[in-house]
C-alpha atoms as a PDB file:
ATOM      1  CA  MET A   1       1.302-119.346  71.484  1.00  0.00           C
ATOM      2  CA  VAL A   2       3.626-116.735  71.525  1.00  0.00           C
ATOM      3  CA  ASN A   3       3.624-114.114  74.470  1.00  0.00           C
ATOM      4  CA  LEU A   4       4.952-110.942  73.579  1.00  0.00           C
ATOM      5  CA  THR A   5       5.852-108.057  75.852  1.00  0.00           C
ATOM      6  CA  MET A   6       7.590-104.212  74.774  1.00  0.00           C
ATOM      7  CA  ILE A   7      10.178-103.725  76.539  1.00  0.00           C
ATOM      8  CA  GLY A   8      10.901-100.216  74.841  1.00  0.00           C
ATOM      9  CA  THR A   9       8.952 -98.279  72.763  1.00  0.00           C
ATOM     10  CA  GLY A  10      10.704 -94.992  72.375  1.00  0.00           C
ATOM     11  CA  GLY A  11      12.914 -93.711  69.626  1.00  0.00           C
ATOM     12  CA  ASN A  12      16.325 -91.854  69.894  1.00  0.00           C
ATOM     13  CA  VAL A  13      16.775 -91.391  73.534  1.00  0.00           C
ATOM     14  CA  PRO A  14      15.043 -93.147  76.547  1.00  0.00           C
ATOM     15  CA  SER A  15      12.544 -90.628  78.300  1.00  0.00           C
ATOM     16  CA  HIS A  16      10.605 -90.268  81.541  1.00  0.00           C
ATOM     17  CA  THR A  17       7.677 -92.378  80.294  1.00  0.00           C
ATOM     18  CA  ARG A  18       9.469 -94.534  77.281  1.00  0.00           C
ATOM     19  CA  PHE A  19      12.693 -97.001  77.515  1.00  0.00           C
ATOM     20  CA  CYS A  20      14.453 -97.443  73.979  1.00  0.00           C
ATOM     21  CA  SER A  21      13.563-100.002  71.283  1.00  0.00           C
ATOM     22  CA  SER A  22      12.943-103.232  72.799  1.00  0.00           C
ATOM     23  CA  VAL A  23      10.639-106.177  72.409  1.00  0.00           C
ATOM     24  CA  LEU A  24      10.479-109.890  74.273  1.00  0.00           C
ATOM     25  CA  LEU A  25       9.348-112.738  73.239  1.00  0.00           C
ATOM     26  CA  ASN A  26       8.269-115.931  74.863  1.00  0.00           C
ATOM     27  CA  TYR A  27       7.820-119.332  73.192  1.00  0.00           C
ATOM     28  CA  LYS A  28       7.709-122.730  74.806  1.00  0.00           C
ATOM     29  CA  GLY A  29       9.797-120.737  77.596  1.00  0.00           C
ATOM     30  CA  VAL A  30      12.171-120.012  75.437  1.00  0.00           C
ATOM     31  CA  LYS A  31      12.951-115.692  75.304  1.00  0.00           C
ATOM     32  CA  ILE A  32      13.439-113.994  72.483  1.00  0.00           C
ATOM     33  CA  LEU A  33      14.449-110.370  72.403  1.00  0.00           C
ATOM     34  CA  ILE A  34      14.759-108.231  69.390  1.00  0.00           C
ATOM     35  CA  ASP A  35      16.984-105.132  69.636  1.00  0.00           C
ATOM     36  CA  CYS A  36      18.348-103.877  72.878  1.00  0.00           C
ATOM     37  CA  GLY A  37      18.271-100.164  73.487  1.00  0.00           C
ATOM     38  CA  GLU A  38      19.377 -98.106  76.308  1.00  0.00           C
ATOM     39  CA  GLY A  39      17.788 -98.904  79.722  1.00  0.00           C
ATOM     40  CA  THR A  40      16.776-102.846  78.327  1.00  0.00           C
ATOM     41  CA  GLN A  41      17.379-104.438  81.669  1.00  0.00           C
ATOM     42  CA  ILE A  42      16.297-102.153  83.841  1.00  0.00           C
ATOM     43  CA  ALA A  43      12.615-101.956  81.811  1.00  0.00           C
ATOM     44  CA  MET A  44      12.975-105.871  81.783  1.00  0.00           C
ATOM     45  CA  LYS A  45      13.613-105.738  85.918  1.00  0.00           C
ATOM     46  CA  LYS A  46      10.552-103.477  85.808  1.00  0.00           C
ATOM     47  CA  PHE A  47       7.997-105.672  84.366  1.00  0.00           C
ATOM     48  CA  SER A  48       9.302-109.277  85.654  1.00  0.00           C
ATOM     49  CA  CYS A  49      10.477-110.483  82.660  1.00  0.00           C
ATOM     50  CA  GLY A  50      13.830-112.165  83.799  1.00  0.00           C
ATOM     51  CA  PHE A  51      17.750-112.635  81.933  1.00  0.00           C
ATOM     52  CA  LYS A  52      18.344-116.238  82.460  1.00  0.00           C
ATOM     53  CA  GLY A  53      16.088-117.782  79.854  1.00  0.00           C
ATOM     54  CA  ILE A  54      17.049-115.352  76.951  1.00  0.00           C
ATOM     55  CA  ASP A  55      18.459-117.334  73.785  1.00  0.00           C
ATOM     56  CA  LEU A  56      18.219-115.058  71.215  1.00  0.00           C
ATOM     57  CA  ILE A  57      18.706-111.812  70.051  1.00  0.00           C
ATOM     58  CA  LEU A  58      18.121-109.960  66.731  1.00  0.00           C
ATOM     59  CA  ILE A  59      19.634-106.686  66.278  1.00  0.00           C
ATOM     60  CA  SER A  60      18.031-104.329  63.782  1.00  0.00           C
ATOM     61  CA  HIS A  61      20.717-101.690  63.254  1.00  0.00           C
ATOM     62  CA  LEU A  62      23.593-100.209  65.397  1.00  0.00           C
ATOM     63  CA  HIS A  63      22.388 -97.175  66.608  1.00  0.00           C
ATOM     64  CA  GLY A  64      22.303 -96.492  70.143  1.00  0.00           C
ATOM     65  CA  ASP A  65      18.711 -96.853  71.078  1.00  0.00           C
ATOM     66  CA  HIS A  66      18.566-100.165  69.635  1.00  0.00           C
ATOM     67  CA  ILE A  67      21.757-101.684  70.925  1.00  0.00           C
ATOM     68  CA  ASN A  68      23.189 -99.444  73.748  1.00  0.00           C
ATOM     69  CA  GLY A  69      21.770-101.841  76.526  1.00  0.00           C
ATOM     70  CA  LEU A  70      23.048-104.982  75.438  1.00  0.00           C
ATOM     71  CA  LEU A  71      26.599-104.601  77.328  1.00  0.00           C
ATOM     72  CA  GLY A  72      24.932-104.459  80.924  1.00  0.00           C
ATOM     73  CA  LEU A  73      22.616-106.741  79.496  1.00  0.00           C
ATOM     74  CA  LEU A  74      24.760-109.913  78.999  1.00  0.00           C
ATOM     75  CA  SER A  75      26.455-109.060  81.763  1.00  0.00           C
ATOM     76  CA  THR A  76      23.490-109.260  84.144  1.00  0.00           C
ATOM     77  CA  MET A  77      22.528-112.536  82.601  1.00  0.00           C
ATOM     78  CA  GLY A  78      25.831-114.004  83.378  1.00  0.00           C
ATOM     79  CA  ASN A  79      25.336-113.058  86.637  1.00  0.00           C
ATOM     80  CA  ALA A  80      21.886-114.609  86.301  1.00  0.00           C
ATOM     81  CA  GLU A  81      23.619-117.767  86.426  1.00  0.00           C
ATOM     82  CA  LYS A  82      22.806-118.355  82.337  1.00  0.00           C
ATOM     83  CA  ARG A  83      25.324-121.137  81.321  1.00  0.00           C
ATOM     84  CA  SER A  84      23.305-121.807  77.666  1.00  0.00           C
ATOM     85  CA  PRO A  85      24.681-120.392  74.786  1.00  0.00           C
ATOM     86  CA  LEU A  86      23.419-116.990  73.178  1.00  0.00           C
ATOM     87  CA  THR A  87      22.689-116.376  69.890  1.00  0.00           C
ATOM     88  CA  ILE A  88      23.091-112.920  68.615  1.00  0.00           C
ATOM     89  CA  VAL A  89      22.299-111.611  65.127  1.00  0.00           C
ATOM     90  CA  GLY A  90      22.442-108.988  63.613  1.00  0.00           C
ATOM     91  CA  PRO A  91      23.807-106.840  60.437  1.00  0.00           C
ATOM     92  CA  SER A  92      27.134-105.986  59.096  1.00  0.00           C
ATOM     93  CA  GLY A  93      29.523-104.428  62.014  1.00  0.00           C
ATOM     94  CA  ILE A  94      27.750-106.505  64.661  1.00  0.00           C
ATOM     95  CA  ARG A  95      30.759-108.767  65.339  1.00  0.00           C
ATOM     96  CA  ARG A  96      32.840-105.783  65.646  1.00  0.00           C
ATOM     97  CA  ALA A  97      30.821-103.995  67.881  1.00  0.00           C
ATOM     98  CA  ILE A  98      30.392-107.099  70.336  1.00  0.00           C
ATOM     99  CA  SER A  99      34.465-107.487  70.588  1.00  0.00           C
ATOM    100  CA  ALA A 100      34.127-103.529  71.632  1.00  0.00           C
ATOM    101  CA  MET A 101      32.361-104.368  74.285  1.00  0.00           C
ATOM    102  CA  MET A 102      34.501-107.718  75.282  1.00  0.00           C
ATOM    103  CA  ILE A 103      37.119-105.195  76.143  1.00  0.00           C
ATOM    104  CA  LEU A 104      34.768-104.496  79.477  1.00  0.00           C
ATOM    105  CA  TRP A 105      33.756-108.002  80.178  1.00  0.00           C
ATOM    106  CA  GLU A 106      35.953-110.141  81.999  1.00  0.00           C
ATOM    107  CA  GLY A 107      34.139-112.961  80.602  1.00  0.00           C
ATOM    108  CA  LEU A 108      30.985-114.338  80.070  1.00  0.00           C
ATOM    109  CA  PRO A 109      30.180-117.766  81.680  1.00  0.00           C
ATOM    110  CA  PHE A 110      28.367-118.686  78.389  1.00  0.00           C
ATOM    111  CA  GLU A 111      28.919-119.526  74.893  1.00  0.00           C
ATOM    112  CA  LEU A 112      28.297-116.301  72.715  1.00  0.00           C
ATOM    113  CA  ARG A 113      27.426-116.999  68.688  1.00  0.00           C
ATOM    114  CA  VAL A 114      27.252-114.243  66.517  1.00  0.00           C
ATOM    115  CA  ILE A 115      25.407-114.323  62.859  1.00  0.00           C
ATOM    116  CA  GLU A 116      26.210-111.364  61.203  1.00  0.00           C
ATOM    117  CA  ASN A 117      24.176-110.034  58.273  1.00  0.00           C
ATOM    118  CA  PRO A 118      21.976-113.055  57.657  1.00  0.00           C
ATOM    119  CA  ILE A 119      20.389-112.835  54.140  1.00  0.00           C
ATOM    120  CA  GLY A 120      16.959-114.403  53.874  1.00  0.00           C
ATOM    121  CA  ASN A 121      15.890-117.589  55.516  1.00  0.00           C
ATOM    122  CA  PHE A 122      18.154-118.270  58.217  1.00  0.00           C
ATOM    123  CA  SER A 123      18.094-121.091  61.457  1.00  0.00           C
ATOM    124  CA  VAL A 124      19.065-121.227  64.476  1.00  0.00           C
ATOM    125  CA  VAL A 125      20.564-124.304  66.440  1.00  0.00           C
ATOM    126  CA  GLY A 126      18.431-125.134  69.369  1.00  0.00           C
ATOM    127  CA  ASP A 127      15.722-127.501  70.658  1.00  0.00           C
ATOM    128  CA  VAL A 128      13.263-125.101  70.431  1.00  0.00           C
ATOM    129  CA  LEU A 129      14.106-122.583  68.132  1.00  0.00           C
ATOM    130  CA  LYS A 130      14.843-125.024  65.299  1.00  0.00           C
ATOM    131  CA  ASP A 131      10.618-124.628  65.337  1.00  0.00           C
ATOM    132  CA  ILE A 132      11.023-121.220  64.041  1.00  0.00           C
ATOM    133  CA  GLU A 133      12.142-119.750  61.018  1.00  0.00           C
ATOM    134  CA  ILE A 134      13.422-116.628  60.574  1.00  0.00           C
ATOM    135  CA  ASN A 135      13.172-114.193  57.278  1.00  0.00           C
ATOM    136  CA  THR A 136      15.403-110.671  56.937  1.00  0.00           C
ATOM    137  CA  ILE A 137      15.110-107.694  54.745  1.00  0.00           C
ATOM    138  CA  SER A 138      17.154-105.135  54.237  1.00  0.00           C
ATOM    139  CA  LEU A 139      15.694-101.661  54.834  1.00  0.00           C
ATOM    140  CA  ASP A 140      16.301 -98.169  54.058  1.00  0.00           C
ATOM    141  CA  HIS A 141      17.672 -96.327  56.977  1.00  0.00           C
ATOM    142  CA  SER A 142      20.730 -93.825  57.619  1.00  0.00           C
ATOM    143  CA  THR A 143      22.817 -97.217  58.391  1.00  0.00           C
ATOM    144  CA  GLU A 144      23.180-100.515  57.481  1.00  0.00           C
ATOM    145  CA  CYS A 145      19.291-102.008  59.086  1.00  0.00           C
ATOM    146  CA  ILE A 146      17.532-105.280  58.634  1.00  0.00           C
ATOM    147  CA  GLY A 147      13.989-106.004  59.379  1.00  0.00           C
ATOM    148  CA  TYR A 148      12.762-109.414  60.845  1.00  0.00           C
ATOM    149  CA  SER A 149       9.625-112.066  60.326  1.00  0.00           C
ATOM    150  CA  LEU A 150       9.391-114.771  62.376  1.00  0.00           C
ATOM    151  CA  TYR A 151       7.218-118.029  61.786  1.00  0.00           C
ATOM    152  CA  PHE A 152       6.247-120.052  64.913  1.00  0.00           C
ATOM    153  CA  THR A 153       5.935-123.410  63.310  1.00  0.00           C
ATOM    154  CA  ARG A 154       2.882-125.396  64.734  1.00  0.00           C
ATOM    155  CA  SER A 155       3.338-129.744  64.254  1.00  0.00           C
ATOM    156  CA  ARG A 156       0.716-131.760  62.926  1.00  0.00           C
ATOM    157  CA  LYS A 157      -1.910-133.732  64.972  1.00  0.00           C
ATOM    158  CA  PHE A 158      -1.645-137.220  64.945  1.00  0.00           C
ATOM    159  CA  SER A 159      -4.778-138.959  63.741  1.00  0.00           C
ATOM    160  CA  VAL A 160      -5.615-142.563  65.202  1.00  0.00           C
ATOM    161  CA  GLU A 161      -8.069-142.860  61.948  1.00  0.00           C
ATOM    162  CA  LYS A 162      -5.323-142.623  59.597  1.00  0.00           C
ATOM    163  CA  ALA A 163      -3.062-144.736  61.300  1.00  0.00           C
ATOM    164  CA  GLU A 164      -5.389-147.594  61.277  1.00  0.00           C
ATOM    165  CA  ALA A 165      -6.627-147.137  57.948  1.00  0.00           C
ATOM    166  CA  ASN A 166      -3.208-146.973  57.036  1.00  0.00           C
ATOM    167  CA  SER A 167      -2.316-150.579  58.926  1.00  0.00           C
ATOM    168  CA  VAL A 168       0.265-149.447  60.930  1.00  0.00           C
ATOM    169  CA  PRO A 169       1.509-151.253  63.297  1.00  0.00           C
ATOM    170  CA  LYS A 170       0.778-149.381  66.910  1.00  0.00           C
ATOM    171  CA  TYR A 171       4.429-149.523  68.306  1.00  0.00           C
ATOM    172  CA  ILE A 172       5.503-147.418  65.959  1.00  0.00           C
ATOM    173  CA  TRP A 173       2.691-144.729  65.768  1.00  0.00           C
ATOM    174  CA  ASN A 174       4.847-142.456  68.587  1.00  0.00           C
ATOM    175  CA  HIS A 175       8.014-142.820  66.267  1.00  0.00           C
ATOM    176  CA  LEU A 176       6.565-141.719  62.671  1.00  0.00           C
ATOM    177  CA  GLN A 177       4.745-138.729  65.037  1.00  0.00           C
ATOM    178  CA  LYS A 178       8.334-137.723  65.940  1.00  0.00           C
ATOM    179  CA  GLY A 179       9.041-137.810  61.970  1.00  0.00           C
ATOM    180  CA  LYS A 180      11.170-141.373  61.886  1.00  0.00           C
ATOM    181  CA  THR A 181      10.672-143.570  59.022  1.00  0.00           C
ATOM    182  CA  TYR A 182       9.879-147.638  58.944  1.00  0.00           C
ATOM    183  CA  TYR A 183      10.234-150.403  56.596  1.00  0.00           C
ATOM    184  CA  ILE A 184       9.130-153.494  58.214  1.00  0.00           C
ATOM    185  CA  ASN A 185       7.707-156.659  56.155  1.00  0.00           C
ATOM    186  CA  ASP A 186       8.404-155.363  52.807  1.00  0.00           C
ATOM    187  CA  LYS A 187       6.103-152.134  53.885  1.00  0.00           C
ATOM    188  CA  PHE A 188       7.149-148.817  53.980  1.00  0.00           C
ATOM    189  CA  TYR A 189       5.796-146.565  56.762  1.00  0.00           C
ATOM    190  CA  SER A 190       5.986-142.691  57.064  1.00  0.00           C
ATOM    191  CA  PRO A 191       5.448-139.431  59.082  1.00  0.00           C
ATOM    192  CA  GLU A 192       2.393-139.343  56.344  1.00  0.00           C
ATOM    193  CA  ASP A 193       1.107-142.439  57.257  1.00  0.00           C
ATOM    194  CA  VAL A 194      -0.415-141.314  60.476  1.00  0.00           C
ATOM    195  CA  LEU A 195      -0.377-137.095  60.507  1.00  0.00           C
ATOM    196  CA  GLU A 196      -2.895-134.762  59.389  1.00  0.00           C
ATOM    197  CA  ASP A 197      -2.748-132.047  57.147  1.00  0.00           C
ATOM    198  CA  GLU A 198      -0.235-128.937  58.040  1.00  0.00           C
ATOM    199  CA  ARG A 199      -1.431-126.977  60.174  1.00  0.00           C
ATOM    200  CA  LYS A 200      -1.000-123.078  60.041  1.00  0.00           C
ATOM    201  CA  GLY A 201       1.262-121.492  62.669  1.00  0.00           C
ATOM    202  CA  ILE A 202       2.027-118.214  64.028  1.00  0.00           C
ATOM    203  CA  LYS A 203       3.725-115.477  61.856  1.00  0.00           C
ATOM    204  CA  LEU A 204       5.361-111.964  63.531  1.00  0.00           C
ATOM    205  CA  SER A 205       6.853-108.929  61.843  1.00  0.00           C
ATOM    206  CA  PHE A 206       9.446-106.317  63.048  1.00  0.00           C
ATOM    207  CA  ILE A 207      10.482-103.601  60.824  1.00  0.00           C
ATOM    208  CA  THR A 208      11.996-100.610  62.152  1.00  0.00           C
ATOM    209  CA  ASP A 209      13.925 -98.128  61.311  1.00  0.00           C
ATOM    210  CA  THR A 210      12.920 -97.469  57.679  1.00  0.00           C
ATOM    211  CA  ARG A 211      11.136 -95.723  55.293  1.00  0.00           C
ATOM    212  CA  PRO A 212       8.203 -97.294  53.765  1.00  0.00           C
ATOM    213  CA  ILE A 213      10.044 -99.049  51.128  1.00  0.00           C
ATOM    214  CA  ASP A 214       8.216-101.598  47.717  1.00  0.00           C
ATOM    215  CA  SER A 215       9.550-104.678  49.572  1.00  0.00           C
ATOM    216  CA  ILE A 216       7.877-104.804  52.650  1.00  0.00           C
ATOM    217  CA  PRO A 217       4.338-105.451  52.175  1.00  0.00           C
ATOM    218  CA  GLU A 218       5.037-108.763  50.855  1.00  0.00           C
ATOM    219  CA  PHE A 219       7.566-109.362  53.294  1.00  0.00           C
ATOM    220  CA  ILE A 220       4.739-108.652  56.183  1.00  0.00           C
ATOM    221  CA  SER A 221       2.086-110.641  54.247  1.00  0.00           C
ATOM    222  CA  ASP A 222      -0.396-112.255  56.154  1.00  0.00           C
ATOM    223  CA  SER A 223       1.721-111.590  59.769  1.00  0.00           C
ATOM    224  CA  ASP A 224      -0.006-112.200  62.527  1.00  0.00           C
ATOM    225  CA  LEU A 225       1.114-109.400  63.930  1.00  0.00           C
ATOM    226  CA  PHE A 226       3.046-106.407  62.858  1.00  0.00           C
ATOM    227  CA  ILE A 227       5.210-104.202  64.886  1.00  0.00           C
ATOM    228  CA  CYS A 228       6.658-101.304  63.172  1.00  0.00           C
ATOM    229  CA  GLU A 229       8.417 -98.483  64.113  1.00  0.00           C
ATOM    230  CA  ALA A 230       5.837 -94.837  63.648  1.00  0.00           C
ATOM    231  CA  MET A 231       8.225 -92.260  64.753  1.00  0.00           C
ATOM    232  CA  TYR A 232       5.961 -89.172  63.725  1.00  0.00           C
ATOM    233  CA  GLY A 233       2.833 -89.263  64.611  1.00  0.00           C
ATOM    234  CA  ASP A 234       1.561 -85.855  62.405  1.00  0.00           C
ATOM    235  CA  ASP A 235       1.318 -86.402  59.009  1.00  0.00           C
ATOM    236  CA  ILE A 236       2.658 -82.844  58.804  1.00  0.00           C
ATOM    237  CA  ASP A 237       6.221 -83.892  59.880  1.00  0.00           C
ATOM    238  CA  ILE A 238       6.394 -86.593  56.870  1.00  0.00           C
ATOM    239  CA  SER A 239       9.411 -84.190  55.642  1.00  0.00           C
ATOM    240  CA  LYS A 240      11.243 -84.607  59.296  1.00  0.00           C
ATOM    241  CA  ALA A 241      10.209 -88.827  58.475  1.00  0.00           C
ATOM    242  CA  VAL A 242      11.720 -88.448  54.962  1.00  0.00           C
ATOM    243  CA  LYS A 243      14.915 -86.668  56.111  1.00  0.00           C
ATOM    244  CA  ASN A 244      15.670 -89.122  58.858  1.00  0.00           C
ATOM    245  CA  LYS A 245      14.451 -91.884  57.144  1.00  0.00           C
ATOM    246  CA  HIS A 246      11.670 -93.146  59.071  1.00  0.00           C
ATOM    247  CA  MET A 247       7.728 -93.460  59.061  1.00  0.00           C
ATOM    248  CA  THR A 248       4.617 -91.492  60.323  1.00  0.00           C
ATOM    249  CA  PHE A 249       1.770 -93.766  61.920  1.00  0.00           C
ATOM    250  CA  ARG A 250      -0.319 -93.116  58.097  1.00  0.00           C
ATOM    251  CA  GLU A 251       2.933 -94.868  56.574  1.00  0.00           C
ATOM    252  CA  ALA A 252       3.074 -97.697  58.904  1.00  0.00           C
ATOM    253  CA  ALA A 253      -0.819 -98.287  58.571  1.00  0.00           C
ATOM    254  CA  THR A 254      -0.690 -98.179  54.549  1.00  0.00           C
ATOM    255  CA  LEU A 255       2.190-100.964  54.969  1.00  0.00           C
ATOM    256  CA  ALA A 256      -0.244-103.181  57.390  1.00  0.00           C
ATOM    257  CA  SER A 257      -2.885-102.705  54.767  1.00  0.00           C
ATOM    258  CA  LYS A 258      -0.766-103.418  52.101  1.00  0.00           C
ATOM    259  CA  GLY A 259       1.078-106.449  54.024  1.00  0.00           C
ATOM    260  CA  ASN A 260      -3.056-107.469  54.527  1.00  0.00           C
ATOM    261  CA  VAL A 261      -2.111-108.427  58.159  1.00  0.00           C
ATOM    262  CA  LYS A 262      -4.203-109.296  61.135  1.00  0.00           C
ATOM    263  CA  LYS A 263      -3.080-106.822  63.308  1.00  0.00           C
ATOM    264  CA  LEU A 264      -0.378-103.446  63.647  1.00  0.00           C
ATOM    265  CA  LEU A 265       0.981-102.614  66.848  1.00  0.00           C
ATOM    266  CA  LEU A 266       2.709 -99.089  66.161  1.00  0.00           C
ATOM    267  CA  THR A 267       6.393 -98.484  68.220  1.00  0.00           C
ATOM    268  CA  HIS A 268       9.783 -96.487  68.168  1.00  0.00           C
ATOM    269  CA  PHE A 269       7.892 -93.121  68.893  1.00  0.00           C
ATOM    270  CA  SER A 270      10.017 -89.830  68.889  1.00  0.00           C
ATOM    271  CA  PRO A 271      10.996 -87.765  72.047  1.00  0.00           C
ATOM    272  CA  SER A 272       8.979 -84.881  71.374  1.00  0.00           C
ATOM    273  CA  ILE A 273       5.490 -87.130  70.880  1.00  0.00           C
ATOM    274  CA  ASP A 274       3.984 -86.892  74.996  1.00  0.00           C
ATOM    275  CA  SER A 275       0.923 -88.780  73.751  1.00  0.00           C
ATOM    276  CA  PRO A 276       1.499 -91.030  70.976  1.00  0.00           C
ATOM    277  CA  ASN A 277      -2.394 -91.960  71.561  1.00  0.00           C
ATOM    278  CA  ASP A 278      -3.126 -88.347  70.185  1.00  0.00           C
ATOM    279  CA  TYR A 279      -2.403 -89.589  66.404  1.00  0.00           C
ATOM    280  CA  LYS A 280      -3.899 -93.126  66.585  1.00  0.00           C
ATOM    281  CA  SER A 281      -6.581 -92.516  64.127  1.00  0.00           C
ATOM    282  CA  ASN A 282      -4.015 -91.160  61.459  1.00  0.00           C
ATOM    283  CA  ALA A 283      -3.103 -95.081  61.690  1.00  0.00           C
ATOM    284  CA  THR A 284      -6.596 -96.245  62.225  1.00  0.00           C
ATOM    285  CA  SER A 285      -8.186 -94.404  59.424  1.00  0.00           C
ATOM    286  CA  VAL A 286      -5.924 -96.334  56.957  1.00  0.00           C
ATOM    287  CA  PHE A 287      -5.701 -99.379  58.812  1.00  0.00           C
ATOM    288  CA  LYS A 288      -8.756-100.668  61.521  1.00  0.00           C
ATOM    289  CA  ASP A 289      -6.477-102.830  63.888  1.00  0.00           C
ATOM    290  CA  SER A 290      -3.818-100.615  64.903  1.00  0.00           C
ATOM    291  CA  GLU A 291      -2.541-100.141  68.061  1.00  0.00           C
ATOM    292  CA  VAL A 292      -0.205 -97.808  69.794  1.00  0.00           C
ATOM    293  CA  ALA A 293       2.231 -99.797  71.796  1.00  0.00           C
ATOM    294  CA  VAL A 294       3.339 -98.523  75.840  1.00  0.00           C
ATOM    295  CA  ASP A 295       6.180-100.295  77.727  1.00  0.00           C
ATOM    296  CA  GLY A 296       5.588-102.749  79.341  1.00  0.00           C
ATOM    297  CA  MET A 297       2.556-104.189  77.539  1.00  0.00           C
ATOM    298  CA  SER A 298       1.756-107.591  77.212  1.00  0.00           C
ATOM    299  CA  LEU A 299       0.004-109.525  73.963  1.00  0.00           C
ATOM    300  CA  THR A 300      -0.738-113.197  73.686  1.00  0.00           C
ATOM    301  CA  ILE A 301      -0.964-114.515  69.792  1.00  0.00           C
ATOM    302  CA  SER A 302      -2.551-117.715  69.570  1.00  0.00           C
ATOM    303  CA  TYR A 303      -2.439-120.671  66.803  1.00  0.00           C
ATOM    304  CA  PRO A 304      -5.076-119.739  64.510  1.00  0.00           C
ATOM    305  CA  LYS A 305      -7.885-122.205  64.911  1.00  0.00           C
END
């Protein structure tokens, strides 16, 4: 399963009710942070998230409400005795941005790896992170911006019946389950001899900030959870959404419907919106399983049965 905490659900600037954009994922004890807006480390402290276990940070773009919290967070992670490597992924310019921040650091006590402008599918080194397939998409914002989808794979179940039917020696069962192959007494043994069929994993997609472009529905297709920006709640604000290259609640819900996702979580609300729930019906009228995120909200996404 994947545990998720909405660290910040605000857009542009932090407010008295919302921190800036940030989402924390916890998978098998490894933490993945998506965006790191101003106040992220304060919010993480408030929601008792912990800093030491973060191994991967995904940045959508270089606007302040998505990256300004990075400087303080990395310093705090070092003070929290993090010593394992940290990978940061982002659009073009992320290396230069981090280099500029390094001027204010005396040195981090952990290795910092940067992946700039990844295209399509990529993987990150790490015992647990290797189980996660990450995809990116170019979005339509006022600066270069990328969306992410994460697919958490699920290991295949071991089948005693299949192993016995294929006359597999018991002393290699465990090794075959781990992916090894053997050639014994002129007979070849592979994981296929002891494993059941592939099992569906968990897909989570994250899209912000952008206009609704044609490539998004396919990118987010069949997501178990689709986290999407919804800067403007009222339909009459469509002109603002177009001008500022953001989305309305209704537009986000339309993408969810076209992408056949299971659940939509709306986030990144304009500071002018005091109560996003007042506009929830603009989303649910298009996509029934739409929910308005709030800071500190926690969700658990389980593997399909």
